[in-house]
Amino acid sequence: MIDNSLMTLEQFQEAQFSIRETGNRCELVAGYLLSLHPPDEAHGDTLLNLSKALATCFQESETGYACFDLGLIIARNPDTVRRPAASYFDSGERFAESEKDMTEARPKLVIDIASTNDRRRTFPERVQDYLNWGIPAVWVIDPVERQVHAFREYEAVKTYADHNQLVGGSVLPGFSVKVADLFLEPEWYR
């Protein structure tokens, strides 16, 4: 936390853009500003590979869409805004949330990337926030351990290793990717 004074959602909306100019990312947690380190290279590679896998799924199924770095307003008074790597929506007007910076619409799936130390340290509370808000499924991609942790309310966490196939099932029909493929360096980088 970088500030000891409570903030409202509106104050957070004003402050976050000046914070982003420093390269940091921020969230609002129970009214307090939480500064996160900028995403690292592993985060970027993972997000690129994830977005490709999602795009393939959406082109084949023509249902749902993903938003990236969308602020999710998950609590009010005190206000909490979490900003996962990706949010999957399967209802409402297609792409309705795409142009927004923040929304109160609930995605069907949240995908977070535990790349930096602060993201790794806070991912248990982040997952709990999402589940408590009513999101049916949360995936946490861990580029350090090269795993994906899949959470659903009232179910044991499932961990998928490098050699496993991550399948969307009823949450994200038609989605499938080998976990190892999420951590590949882009070809142009090699």
N, C-alpha and C. Protein backbone atom coordinates (compact mmCIF):
# COMPACT_ATOMS: atom_id res chain seq x y z
N MET A 1 0.85 -1.17 0.00
CA MET A 1 0.00 0.00 0.00
C MET A 1 0.90 1.24 0.00
N ILE A 2 0.50 2.24 -0.75
CA ILE A 2 1.35 3.41 -0.81
C ILE A 2 0.70 4.65 -0.20
N ASP A 3 -0.52 4.51 0.29
CA ASP A 3 -1.22 5.66 0.85
C ASP A 3 -2.05 5.16 2.02
N ASN A 4 -2.07 5.90 3.11
CA ASN A 4 -2.82 5.48 4.28
C ASN A 4 -4.21 6.07 4.35
N SER A 5 -4.60 6.89 3.39
CA SER A 5 -5.93 7.49 3.44
C SER A 5 -6.89 6.70 2.56
N LEU A 6 -8.11 6.55 3.03
CA LEU A 6 -9.13 5.86 2.27
C LEU A 6 -9.47 6.63 1.00
N MET A 7 -9.69 5.90 -0.07
CA MET A 7 -10.05 6.50 -1.35
C MET A 7 -11.39 5.94 -1.79
N THR A 8 -12.12 6.74 -2.52
CA THR A 8 -13.33 6.26 -3.16
C THR A 8 -12.97 5.79 -4.57
N LEU A 9 -13.90 5.14 -5.21
CA LEU A 9 -13.71 4.70 -6.58
C LEU A 9 -13.40 5.90 -7.49
N GLU A 10 -14.10 6.98 -7.28
CA GLU A 10 -13.92 8.16 -8.11
C GLU A 10 -12.52 8.77 -7.92
N GLN A 11 -12.04 8.81 -6.68
CA GLN A 11 -10.68 9.32 -6.43
C GLN A 11 -9.64 8.38 -7.05
N PHE A 12 -9.90 7.11 -6.98
CA PHE A 12 -9.01 6.12 -7.57
C PHE A 12 -8.95 6.29 -9.09
N GLN A 13 -10.08 6.52 -9.71
CA GLN A 13 -10.11 6.71 -11.16
C GLN A 13 -9.24 7.89 -11.57
N GLU A 14 -9.27 8.95 -10.79
CA GLU A 14 -8.45 10.12 -11.08
C GLU A 14 -6.97 9.85 -10.85
N ALA A 15 -6.63 9.13 -9.79
CA ALA A 15 -5.23 8.93 -9.40
C ALA A 15 -4.51 7.87 -10.24
N GLN A 16 -5.22 6.88 -10.73
CA GLN A 16 -4.55 5.74 -11.36
C GLN A 16 -3.77 6.11 -12.62
N PHE A 17 -4.22 7.09 -13.37
CA PHE A 17 -3.53 7.43 -14.61
C PHE A 17 -2.16 8.05 -14.34
N SER A 18 -2.05 8.88 -13.30
CA SER A 18 -0.74 9.45 -12.97
C SER A 18 0.19 8.36 -12.43
N ILE A 19 -0.36 7.38 -11.75
CA ILE A 19 0.45 6.26 -11.25
C ILE A 19 0.94 5.42 -12.42
N ARG A 20 0.09 5.17 -13.40
CA ARG A 20 0.48 4.37 -14.56
C ARG A 20 1.61 5.02 -15.34
N GLU A 21 1.67 6.34 -15.34
CA GLU A 21 2.75 7.03 -16.04
C GLU A 21 4.12 6.68 -15.46
N THR A 22 4.17 6.25 -14.21
CA THR A 22 5.43 5.84 -13.59
C THR A 22 5.82 4.42 -13.99
N GLY A 23 4.92 3.71 -14.68
CA GLY A 23 5.18 2.33 -15.06
C GLY A 23 4.54 1.34 -14.12
N ASN A 24 4.11 1.78 -12.95
CA ASN A 24 3.47 0.89 -12.00
C ASN A 24 2.01 0.67 -12.35
N ARG A 25 1.43 -0.36 -11.79
CA ARG A 25 0.01 -0.64 -11.91
C ARG A 25 -0.57 -0.50 -10.51
N CYS A 26 -1.84 -0.20 -10.43
CA CYS A 26 -2.44 -0.06 -9.11
C CYS A 26 -3.83 -0.65 -9.08
N GLU A 27 -4.24 -1.01 -7.88
CA GLU A 27 -5.58 -1.49 -7.60
C GLU A 27 -6.06 -0.76 -6.36
N LEU A 28 -7.34 -0.85 -6.11
CA LEU A 28 -7.93 -0.28 -4.91
C LEU A 28 -8.47 -1.44 -4.10
N VAL A 29 -7.99 -1.58 -2.87
CA VAL A 29 -8.39 -2.72 -2.04
C VAL A 29 -8.99 -2.19 -0.74
N ALA A 30 -10.29 -2.37 -0.59
CA ALA A 30 -11.03 -1.89 0.58
C ALA A 30 -10.75 -0.42 0.86
N GLY A 31 -10.66 0.36 -0.23
CA GLY A 31 -10.47 1.80 -0.11
C GLY A 31 -9.02 2.25 -0.05
N TYR A 32 -8.08 1.33 -0.05
CA TYR A 32 -6.66 1.70 0.01
C TYR A 32 -5.98 1.39 -1.31
N LEU A 33 -5.11 2.28 -1.71
CA LEU A 33 -4.37 2.14 -2.95
C LEU A 33 -3.28 1.09 -2.79
N LEU A 34 -3.25 0.14 -3.71
CA LEU A 34 -2.23 -0.90 -3.73
C LEU A 34 -1.44 -0.73 -5.02
N SER A 35 -0.14 -0.46 -4.89
CA SER A 35 0.72 -0.31 -6.05
C SER A 35 1.38 -1.65 -6.35
N LEU A 36 1.33 -2.07 -7.60
CA LEU A 36 1.95 -3.32 -8.04
C LEU A 36 3.10 -3.01 -8.97
N HIS A 37 4.14 -3.82 -8.90
CA HIS A 37 5.26 -3.64 -9.80
C HIS A 37 4.80 -3.80 -11.24
N PRO A 38 5.48 -3.14 -12.16
CA PRO A 38 5.12 -3.30 -13.57
C PRO A 38 5.25 -4.77 -13.98
N PRO A 39 4.40 -5.23 -14.87
CA PRO A 39 4.52 -6.61 -15.34
C PRO A 39 5.91 -6.84 -15.94
N ASP A 40 6.45 -8.04 -15.70
CA ASP A 40 7.77 -8.35 -16.23
C ASP A 40 7.66 -9.04 -17.59
N GLU A 41 8.79 -9.41 -18.14
CA GLU A 41 8.82 -10.03 -19.46
C GLU A 41 8.05 -11.34 -19.50
N ALA A 42 8.17 -12.14 -18.44
CA ALA A 42 7.45 -13.42 -18.39
C ALA A 42 5.94 -13.17 -18.42
N HIS A 43 5.50 -12.13 -17.74
CA HIS A 43 4.09 -11.75 -17.73
C HIS A 43 3.63 -11.42 -19.16
N GLY A 44 4.43 -10.62 -19.85
CA GLY A 44 4.09 -10.23 -21.22
C GLY A 44 4.05 -11.42 -22.17
N ASP A 45 5.04 -12.31 -22.08
CA ASP A 45 5.06 -13.50 -22.93
C ASP A 45 3.83 -14.37 -22.67
N THR A 46 3.53 -14.57 -21.39
CA THR A 46 2.40 -15.40 -21.01
C THR A 46 1.09 -14.79 -21.51
N LEU A 47 0.94 -13.49 -21.35
CA LEU A 47 -0.28 -12.82 -21.80
C LEU A 47 -0.42 -12.89 -23.32
N LEU A 48 0.68 -12.74 -24.04
CA LEU A 48 0.64 -12.86 -25.50
C LEU A 48 0.18 -14.25 -25.92
N ASN A 49 0.76 -15.28 -25.31
CA ASN A 49 0.40 -16.65 -25.65
C ASN A 49 -1.05 -16.97 -25.25
N LEU A 50 -1.47 -16.46 -24.10
CA LEU A 50 -2.85 -16.65 -23.67
C LEU A 50 -3.82 -15.99 -24.65
N SER A 51 -3.50 -14.76 -25.05
CA SER A 51 -4.41 -14.05 -25.96
C SER A 51 -4.52 -14.77 -27.30
N LYS A 52 -3.45 -15.37 -27.78
CA LYS A 52 -3.50 -16.15 -29.02
C LYS A 52 -4.42 -17.36 -28.86
N ALA A 53 -4.28 -18.07 -27.74
CA ALA A 53 -5.12 -19.25 -27.49
C ALA A 53 -6.59 -18.85 -27.36
N LEU A 54 -6.84 -17.74 -26.68
CA LEU A 54 -8.22 -17.27 -26.54
C LEU A 54 -8.79 -16.86 -27.90
N ALA A 55 -8.00 -16.17 -28.71
CA ALA A 55 -8.46 -15.73 -30.03
C ALA A 55 -8.84 -16.93 -30.90
N THR A 56 -8.04 -17.98 -30.86
CA THR A 56 -8.34 -19.19 -31.62
C THR A 56 -9.68 -19.77 -31.17
N CYS A 57 -9.88 -19.84 -29.87
CA CYS A 57 -11.13 -20.37 -29.31
C CYS A 57 -12.32 -19.52 -29.76
N PHE A 58 -12.20 -18.21 -29.66
CA PHE A 58 -13.32 -17.32 -29.99
C PHE A 58 -13.63 -17.34 -31.48
N GLN A 59 -12.62 -17.50 -32.32
CA GLN A 59 -12.86 -17.56 -33.77
C GLN A 59 -13.62 -18.82 -34.14
N GLU A 60 -13.33 -19.91 -33.43
CA GLU A 60 -13.98 -21.18 -33.74
C GLU A 60 -15.39 -21.24 -33.16
N SER A 61 -15.59 -20.68 -31.98
CA SER A 61 -16.89 -20.81 -31.32
C SER A 61 -17.81 -19.61 -31.55
N GLU A 62 -17.22 -18.46 -31.85
CA GLU A 62 -17.97 -17.21 -32.05
C GLU A 62 -18.86 -16.87 -30.85
N THR A 63 -18.43 -17.25 -29.67
CA THR A 63 -19.16 -16.87 -28.45
C THR A 63 -18.19 -16.25 -27.47
N GLY A 64 -18.66 -15.28 -26.74
CA GLY A 64 -17.87 -14.65 -25.70
C GLY A 64 -16.73 -13.82 -26.23
N TYR A 65 -16.06 -13.17 -25.31
CA TYR A 65 -14.91 -12.33 -25.64
C TYR A 65 -14.10 -12.09 -24.37
N ALA A 66 -12.87 -11.68 -24.56
CA ALA A 66 -11.99 -11.40 -23.42
C ALA A 66 -11.65 -9.92 -23.40
N CYS A 67 -11.47 -9.40 -22.20
CA CYS A 67 -10.96 -8.06 -21.99
C CYS A 67 -9.65 -8.20 -21.21
N PHE A 68 -8.69 -7.35 -21.53
CA PHE A 68 -7.39 -7.42 -20.89
C PHE A 68 -7.16 -6.18 -20.06
N ASP A 69 -6.66 -6.37 -18.83
CA ASP A 69 -6.34 -5.28 -17.93
C ASP A 69 -7.57 -4.41 -17.61
N LEU A 70 -8.73 -5.04 -17.55
CA LEU A 70 -9.98 -4.35 -17.23
C LEU A 70 -10.15 -4.32 -15.72
N GLY A 71 -10.39 -3.14 -15.16
CA GLY A 71 -10.65 -3.02 -13.74
C GLY A 71 -12.02 -3.58 -13.39
N LEU A 72 -12.07 -4.47 -12.43
CA LEU A 72 -13.33 -5.05 -11.97
C LEU A 72 -13.69 -4.44 -10.63
N ILE A 73 -14.80 -3.73 -10.58
CA ILE A 73 -15.27 -3.10 -9.35
C ILE A 73 -16.01 -4.18 -8.57
N ILE A 74 -15.33 -4.79 -7.62
CA ILE A 74 -15.91 -5.95 -6.94
C ILE A 74 -16.51 -5.64 -5.58
N ALA A 75 -16.32 -4.42 -5.08
CA ALA A 75 -16.94 -4.05 -3.80
C ALA A 75 -17.10 -2.54 -3.74
N ARG A 76 -18.11 -2.10 -3.01
CA ARG A 76 -18.35 -0.67 -2.80
C ARG A 76 -18.46 -0.42 -1.30
N ASN A 77 -17.99 0.74 -0.88
CA ASN A 77 -18.11 1.24 0.50
C ASN A 77 -17.54 0.30 1.56
N PRO A 78 -16.27 0.09 1.69
CA PRO A 78 -15.19 0.69 0.92
C PRO A 78 -15.05 0.01 -0.44
N ASP A 79 -14.49 0.76 -1.37
CA ASP A 79 -14.41 0.31 -2.76
C ASP A 79 -13.19 -0.56 -3.01
N THR A 80 -13.39 -1.59 -3.83
CA THR A 80 -12.29 -2.47 -4.25
C THR A 80 -12.35 -2.63 -5.77
N VAL A 81 -11.22 -2.39 -6.41
CA VAL A 81 -11.07 -2.59 -7.85
C VAL A 81 -9.85 -3.47 -8.07
N ARG A 82 -10.10 -4.65 -8.61
CA ARG A 82 -9.01 -5.55 -8.98
C ARG A 82 -8.82 -5.46 -10.49
N ARG A 83 -7.58 -5.67 -10.95
CA ARG A 83 -7.28 -5.54 -12.37
C ARG A 83 -6.54 -6.81 -12.82
N PRO A 84 -7.30 -7.88 -13.13
CA PRO A 84 -6.66 -9.12 -13.60
C PRO A 84 -6.11 -8.97 -15.01
N ALA A 85 -5.29 -9.92 -15.40
CA ALA A 85 -4.72 -9.90 -16.75
C ALA A 85 -5.81 -10.02 -17.80
N ALA A 86 -6.79 -10.91 -17.58
CA ALA A 86 -7.86 -11.11 -18.56
C ALA A 86 -9.16 -11.46 -17.85
N SER A 87 -10.25 -11.05 -18.47
CA SER A 87 -11.60 -11.38 -17.99
C SER A 87 -12.40 -11.89 -19.18
N TYR A 88 -13.09 -13.01 -19.00
CA TYR A 88 -13.88 -13.60 -20.07
C TYR A 88 -15.37 -13.38 -19.80
N PHE A 89 -16.04 -12.78 -20.77
CA PHE A 89 -17.48 -12.52 -20.68
C PHE A 89 -18.19 -13.37 -21.72
N ASP A 90 -19.31 -13.99 -21.33
CA ASP A 90 -20.07 -14.80 -22.28
C ASP A 90 -21.53 -14.37 -22.38
N SER A 91 -21.88 -13.25 -21.75
CA SER A 91 -23.26 -12.79 -21.83
C SER A 91 -23.28 -11.29 -22.10
N GLY A 92 -24.46 -10.81 -22.40
CA GLY A 92 -24.60 -9.39 -22.73
C GLY A 92 -24.17 -9.14 -24.16
N GLU A 93 -24.20 -7.89 -24.56
CA GLU A 93 -23.80 -7.52 -25.91
C GLU A 93 -22.31 -7.84 -26.10
N ARG A 94 -21.99 -8.45 -27.22
CA ARG A 94 -20.61 -8.84 -27.48
C ARG A 94 -19.70 -7.61 -27.50
N PHE A 95 -18.61 -7.68 -26.79
CA PHE A 95 -17.59 -6.63 -26.67
C PHE A 95 -18.07 -5.41 -25.89
N ALA A 96 -19.16 -5.53 -25.15
CA ALA A 96 -19.72 -4.40 -24.41
C ALA A 96 -18.73 -3.82 -23.40
N GLU A 97 -17.88 -4.64 -22.82
CA GLU A 97 -16.95 -4.17 -21.79
C GLU A 97 -15.59 -3.78 -22.36
N SER A 98 -15.36 -4.01 -23.64
CA SER A 98 -14.03 -3.86 -24.24
C SER A 98 -13.47 -2.44 -24.20
N GLU A 99 -14.30 -1.45 -24.31
CA GLU A 99 -13.83 -0.07 -24.36
C GLU A 99 -13.74 0.59 -22.99
N LYS A 100 -14.13 -0.13 -21.97
CA LYS A 100 -14.17 0.45 -20.62
C LYS A 100 -12.83 0.27 -19.91
N ASP A 101 -12.55 1.16 -18.97
CA ASP A 101 -11.39 1.01 -18.10
C ASP A 101 -11.75 0.18 -16.88
N MET A 102 -13.01 0.31 -16.42
CA MET A 102 -13.52 -0.42 -15.26
C MET A 102 -14.97 -0.79 -15.49
N THR A 103 -15.39 -1.87 -14.81
CA THR A 103 -16.77 -2.31 -14.94
C THR A 103 -17.25 -2.99 -13.66
N GLU A 104 -18.56 -2.98 -13.49
CA GLU A 104 -19.19 -3.76 -12.42
C GLU A 104 -19.80 -5.04 -12.98
N ALA A 105 -19.71 -5.25 -14.29
CA ALA A 105 -20.20 -6.48 -14.91
C ALA A 105 -19.31 -7.64 -14.47
N ARG A 106 -19.93 -8.76 -14.15
CA ARG A 106 -19.17 -9.93 -13.69
C ARG A 106 -18.79 -10.82 -14.87
N PRO A 107 -17.50 -11.06 -15.04
CA PRO A 107 -17.09 -12.03 -16.07
C PRO A 107 -17.37 -13.45 -15.59
N LYS A 108 -17.35 -14.37 -16.51
CA LYS A 108 -17.53 -15.79 -16.16
C LYS A 108 -16.21 -16.41 -15.68
N LEU A 109 -15.11 -15.83 -16.14
CA LEU A 109 -13.78 -16.34 -15.81
C LEU A 109 -12.82 -15.17 -15.68
N VAL A 110 -12.00 -15.22 -14.65
CA VAL A 110 -10.91 -14.25 -14.48
C VAL A 110 -9.61 -15.02 -14.58
N ILE A 111 -8.67 -14.46 -15.33
CA ILE A 111 -7.35 -15.07 -15.48
C ILE A 111 -6.32 -14.07 -15.00
N ASP A 112 -5.56 -14.46 -13.99
CA ASP A 112 -4.53 -13.58 -13.44
C ASP A 112 -3.17 -14.23 -13.66
N ILE A 113 -2.13 -13.43 -13.70
CA ILE A 113 -0.78 -13.93 -13.90
C ILE A 113 0.06 -13.55 -12.69
N ALA A 114 0.54 -14.54 -11.97
CA ALA A 114 1.33 -14.33 -10.76
C ALA A 114 2.80 -14.25 -11.14
N SER A 115 3.17 -13.16 -11.79
CA SER A 115 4.53 -13.04 -12.33
C SER A 115 5.48 -12.31 -11.38
N THR A 116 5.08 -11.18 -10.87
CA THR A 116 5.95 -10.41 -9.98
C THR A 116 5.72 -10.84 -8.54
N ASN A 117 6.67 -10.52 -7.67
CA ASN A 117 6.56 -10.96 -6.27
C ASN A 117 5.29 -10.46 -5.59
N ASP A 118 4.90 -9.21 -5.86
CA ASP A 118 3.69 -8.70 -5.20
C ASP A 118 2.44 -9.41 -5.72
N ARG A 119 2.41 -9.75 -6.98
CA ARG A 119 1.27 -10.51 -7.51
C ARG A 119 1.25 -11.92 -6.95
N ARG A 120 2.41 -12.53 -6.82
CA ARG A 120 2.48 -13.88 -6.26
C ARG A 120 2.05 -13.88 -4.79
N ARG A 121 2.48 -12.88 -4.07
CA ARG A 121 2.18 -12.80 -2.64
C ARG A 121 0.68 -12.57 -2.39
N THR A 122 0.03 -11.81 -3.26
CA THR A 122 -1.37 -11.45 -3.02
C THR A 122 -2.37 -12.32 -3.78
N PHE A 123 -1.90 -13.31 -4.55
CA PHE A 123 -2.88 -14.03 -5.35
C PHE A 123 -3.90 -14.82 -4.53
N PRO A 124 -3.60 -15.36 -3.33
CA PRO A 124 -4.68 -16.02 -2.58
C PRO A 124 -5.84 -15.08 -2.22
N GLU A 125 -5.53 -13.87 -1.78
CA GLU A 125 -6.61 -12.94 -1.44
C GLU A 125 -7.32 -12.43 -2.69
N ARG A 126 -6.58 -12.29 -3.78
CA ARG A 126 -7.21 -11.86 -5.03
C ARG A 126 -8.21 -12.91 -5.49
N VAL A 127 -7.80 -14.18 -5.47
CA VAL A 127 -8.69 -15.27 -5.88
C VAL A 127 -9.94 -15.27 -4.99
N GLN A 128 -9.76 -15.12 -3.69
CA GLN A 128 -10.90 -15.13 -2.78
C GLN A 128 -11.83 -13.96 -3.06
N ASP A 129 -11.27 -12.78 -3.37
CA ASP A 129 -12.10 -11.63 -3.73
C ASP A 129 -12.97 -11.95 -4.96
N TYR A 130 -12.37 -12.54 -5.98
CA TYR A 130 -13.11 -12.86 -7.19
C TYR A 130 -14.23 -13.86 -6.91
N LEU A 131 -13.90 -14.93 -6.18
CA LEU A 131 -14.90 -15.96 -5.88
C LEU A 131 -16.02 -15.40 -4.99
N ASN A 132 -15.65 -14.60 -4.00
CA ASN A 132 -16.66 -14.00 -3.12
C ASN A 132 -17.60 -13.07 -3.90
N TRP A 133 -17.10 -12.45 -4.95
CA TRP A 133 -17.89 -11.54 -5.77
C TRP A 133 -18.86 -12.31 -6.68
N GLY A 134 -18.64 -13.59 -6.83
CA GLY A 134 -19.54 -14.42 -7.63
C GLY A 134 -19.02 -14.82 -8.98
N ILE A 135 -17.72 -14.70 -9.19
CA ILE A 135 -17.14 -15.17 -10.46
C ILE A 135 -17.01 -16.69 -10.35
N PRO A 136 -17.55 -17.43 -11.32
CA PRO A 136 -17.56 -18.89 -11.23
C PRO A 136 -16.20 -19.57 -11.25
N ALA A 137 -15.23 -18.98 -11.96
CA ALA A 137 -13.93 -19.64 -12.08
C ALA A 137 -12.81 -18.61 -12.17
N VAL A 138 -11.67 -18.98 -11.58
CA VAL A 138 -10.48 -18.13 -11.60
C VAL A 138 -9.29 -19.02 -11.95
N TRP A 139 -8.51 -18.58 -12.93
CA TRP A 139 -7.25 -19.25 -13.25
C TRP A 139 -6.12 -18.32 -12.88
N VAL A 140 -5.12 -18.86 -12.19
CA VAL A 140 -3.91 -18.10 -11.90
C VAL A 140 -2.77 -18.80 -12.62
N ILE A 141 -2.20 -18.09 -13.57
CA ILE A 141 -1.08 -18.62 -14.34
C ILE A 141 0.21 -18.19 -13.64
N ASP A 142 1.05 -19.18 -13.35
CA ASP A 142 2.28 -18.94 -12.60
C ASP A 142 3.48 -19.22 -13.51
N PRO A 143 4.08 -18.17 -14.11
CA PRO A 143 5.21 -18.38 -15.01
C PRO A 143 6.48 -18.84 -14.29
N VAL A 144 6.57 -18.59 -13.00
CA VAL A 144 7.75 -19.02 -12.24
C VAL A 144 7.73 -20.53 -12.05
N GLU A 145 6.61 -21.06 -11.59
CA GLU A 145 6.47 -22.51 -11.37
C GLU A 145 6.01 -23.24 -12.64
N ARG A 146 5.65 -22.47 -13.67
CA ARG A 146 5.16 -23.02 -14.94
C ARG A 146 3.95 -23.92 -14.70
N GLN A 147 2.97 -23.33 -14.02
CA GLN A 147 1.73 -24.03 -13.69
C GLN A 147 0.54 -23.09 -13.85
N VAL A 148 -0.64 -23.70 -13.92
CA VAL A 148 -1.89 -22.95 -13.86
C VAL A 148 -2.71 -23.54 -12.72
N HIS A 149 -3.19 -22.66 -11.85
CA HIS A 149 -4.04 -23.07 -10.73
C HIS A 149 -5.46 -22.66 -11.07
N ALA A 150 -6.38 -23.63 -11.08
CA ALA A 150 -7.78 -23.36 -11.44
C ALA A 150 -8.63 -23.45 -10.18
N PHE A 151 -9.35 -22.37 -9.89
CA PHE A 151 -10.18 -22.27 -8.70
C PHE A 151 -11.65 -22.17 -9.11
N ARG A 152 -12.47 -22.88 -8.37
CA ARG A 152 -13.93 -22.77 -8.50
C ARG A 152 -14.49 -22.83 -7.08
N GLU A 153 -15.55 -22.09 -6.86
CA GLU A 153 -16.16 -22.08 -5.53
C GLU A 153 -16.58 -23.50 -5.14
N TYR A 154 -16.28 -23.86 -3.91
CA TYR A 154 -16.65 -25.16 -3.31
C TYR A 154 -15.95 -26.35 -3.96
N GLU A 155 -14.89 -26.13 -4.69
CA GLU A 155 -14.13 -27.23 -5.28
C GLU A 155 -12.67 -27.10 -4.89
N ALA A 156 -11.99 -28.21 -4.85
CA ALA A 156 -10.55 -28.19 -4.57
C ALA A 156 -9.83 -27.55 -5.75
N VAL A 157 -8.76 -26.84 -5.45
CA VAL A 157 -7.98 -26.22 -6.52
C VAL A 157 -7.36 -27.31 -7.38
N LYS A 158 -7.36 -27.08 -8.69
CA LYS A 158 -6.71 -28.00 -9.62
C LYS A 158 -5.46 -27.31 -10.14
N THR A 159 -4.36 -28.04 -10.15
CA THR A 159 -3.10 -27.49 -10.64
C THR A 159 -2.69 -28.24 -11.89
N TYR A 160 -2.40 -27.47 -12.94
CA TYR A 160 -1.99 -28.03 -14.22
C TYR A 160 -0.53 -27.69 -14.44
N ALA A 161 0.28 -28.71 -14.69
CA ALA A 161 1.71 -28.54 -14.91
C ALA A 161 2.00 -28.41 -16.40
N ASP A 162 3.27 -28.15 -16.71
CA ASP A 162 3.76 -27.96 -18.08
C ASP A 162 3.19 -28.97 -19.09
N HIS A 163 3.17 -30.24 -18.71
CA HIS A 163 2.79 -31.31 -19.64
C HIS A 163 1.27 -31.48 -19.77
N ASN A 164 0.49 -30.78 -18.94
CA ASN A 164 -0.97 -30.91 -18.96
C ASN A 164 -1.60 -30.01 -20.02
N GLN A 165 -2.82 -30.37 -20.38
CA GLN A 165 -3.66 -29.57 -21.26
C GLN A 165 -4.65 -28.80 -20.38
N LEU A 166 -4.71 -27.50 -20.52
CA LEU A 166 -5.69 -26.68 -19.80
C LEU A 166 -6.92 -26.57 -20.70
N VAL A 167 -8.05 -27.07 -20.19
CA VAL A 167 -9.28 -27.11 -20.97
C VAL A 167 -10.31 -26.23 -20.28
N GLY A 168 -11.04 -25.44 -21.07
CA GLY A 168 -12.01 -24.51 -20.53
C GLY A 168 -13.26 -25.15 -19.96
N GLY A 169 -13.62 -26.35 -20.42
CA GLY A 169 -14.80 -27.04 -19.92
C GLY A 169 -16.06 -26.20 -20.05
N SER A 170 -16.93 -26.27 -19.05
CA SER A 170 -18.20 -25.54 -19.10
C SER A 170 -18.01 -24.04 -18.91
N VAL A 171 -16.87 -23.63 -18.36
CA VAL A 171 -16.61 -22.21 -18.13
C VAL A 171 -16.22 -21.50 -19.42
N LEU A 172 -15.40 -22.14 -20.22
CA LEU A 172 -14.91 -21.55 -21.47
C LEU A 172 -14.92 -22.65 -22.55
N PRO A 173 -16.11 -22.98 -23.05
CA PRO A 173 -16.25 -24.09 -24.01
C PRO A 173 -15.35 -23.91 -25.23
N GLY A 174 -14.71 -25.00 -25.63
CA GLY A 174 -13.88 -24.98 -26.83
C GLY A 174 -12.45 -24.54 -26.59
N PHE A 175 -12.14 -24.06 -25.38
CA PHE A 175 -10.77 -23.60 -25.11
C PHE A 175 -9.90 -24.76 -24.69
N SER A 176 -8.71 -24.82 -25.26
CA SER A 176 -7.73 -25.83 -24.89
C SER A 176 -6.34 -25.32 -25.28
N VAL A 177 -5.39 -25.46 -24.36
CA VAL A 177 -4.01 -25.07 -24.63
C VAL A 177 -3.09 -25.93 -23.76
N LYS A 178 -1.98 -26.33 -24.33
CA LYS A 178 -0.99 -27.02 -23.53
C LYS A 178 -0.35 -25.99 -22.59
N VAL A 179 -0.27 -26.29 -21.32
CA VAL A 179 0.25 -25.34 -20.34
C VAL A 179 1.63 -24.84 -20.73
N ALA A 180 2.49 -25.71 -21.20
CA ALA A 180 3.85 -25.30 -21.60
C ALA A 180 3.82 -24.21 -22.67
N ASP A 181 2.80 -24.23 -23.53
CA ASP A 181 2.70 -23.24 -24.61
C ASP A 181 2.43 -21.83 -24.08
N LEU A 182 1.90 -21.74 -22.87
CA LEU A 182 1.65 -20.42 -22.28
C LEU A 182 2.95 -19.70 -21.92
N PHE A 183 4.04 -20.44 -21.80
CA PHE A 183 5.30 -19.86 -21.34
C PHE A 183 6.36 -19.76 -22.43
N LEU A 184 5.99 -19.99 -23.67
CA LEU A 184 6.96 -19.91 -24.77
C LEU A 184 7.38 -18.47 -25.02
N GLU A 185 8.66 -18.29 -25.35
CA GLU A 185 9.12 -16.98 -25.81
C GLU A 185 8.61 -16.78 -27.22
N PRO A 186 8.23 -15.58 -27.57
CA PRO A 186 7.78 -15.33 -28.95
C PRO A 186 8.91 -15.64 -29.93
N GLU A 187 8.55 -16.17 -31.09
CA GLU A 187 9.55 -16.51 -32.10
C GLU A 187 10.39 -15.32 -32.52
N TRP A 188 9.76 -14.17 -32.67
CA TRP A 188 10.49 -12.97 -33.09
C TRP A 188 11.54 -12.55 -32.08
N TYR A 189 11.38 -13.00 -30.81
CA TYR A 189 12.32 -12.63 -29.75
C TYR A 189 13.58 -13.48 -29.80
N ARG A 190 13.43 -14.71 -30.29
CA ARG A 190 14.56 -15.64 -30.32
C ARG A 190 15.50 -15.21 -31.35
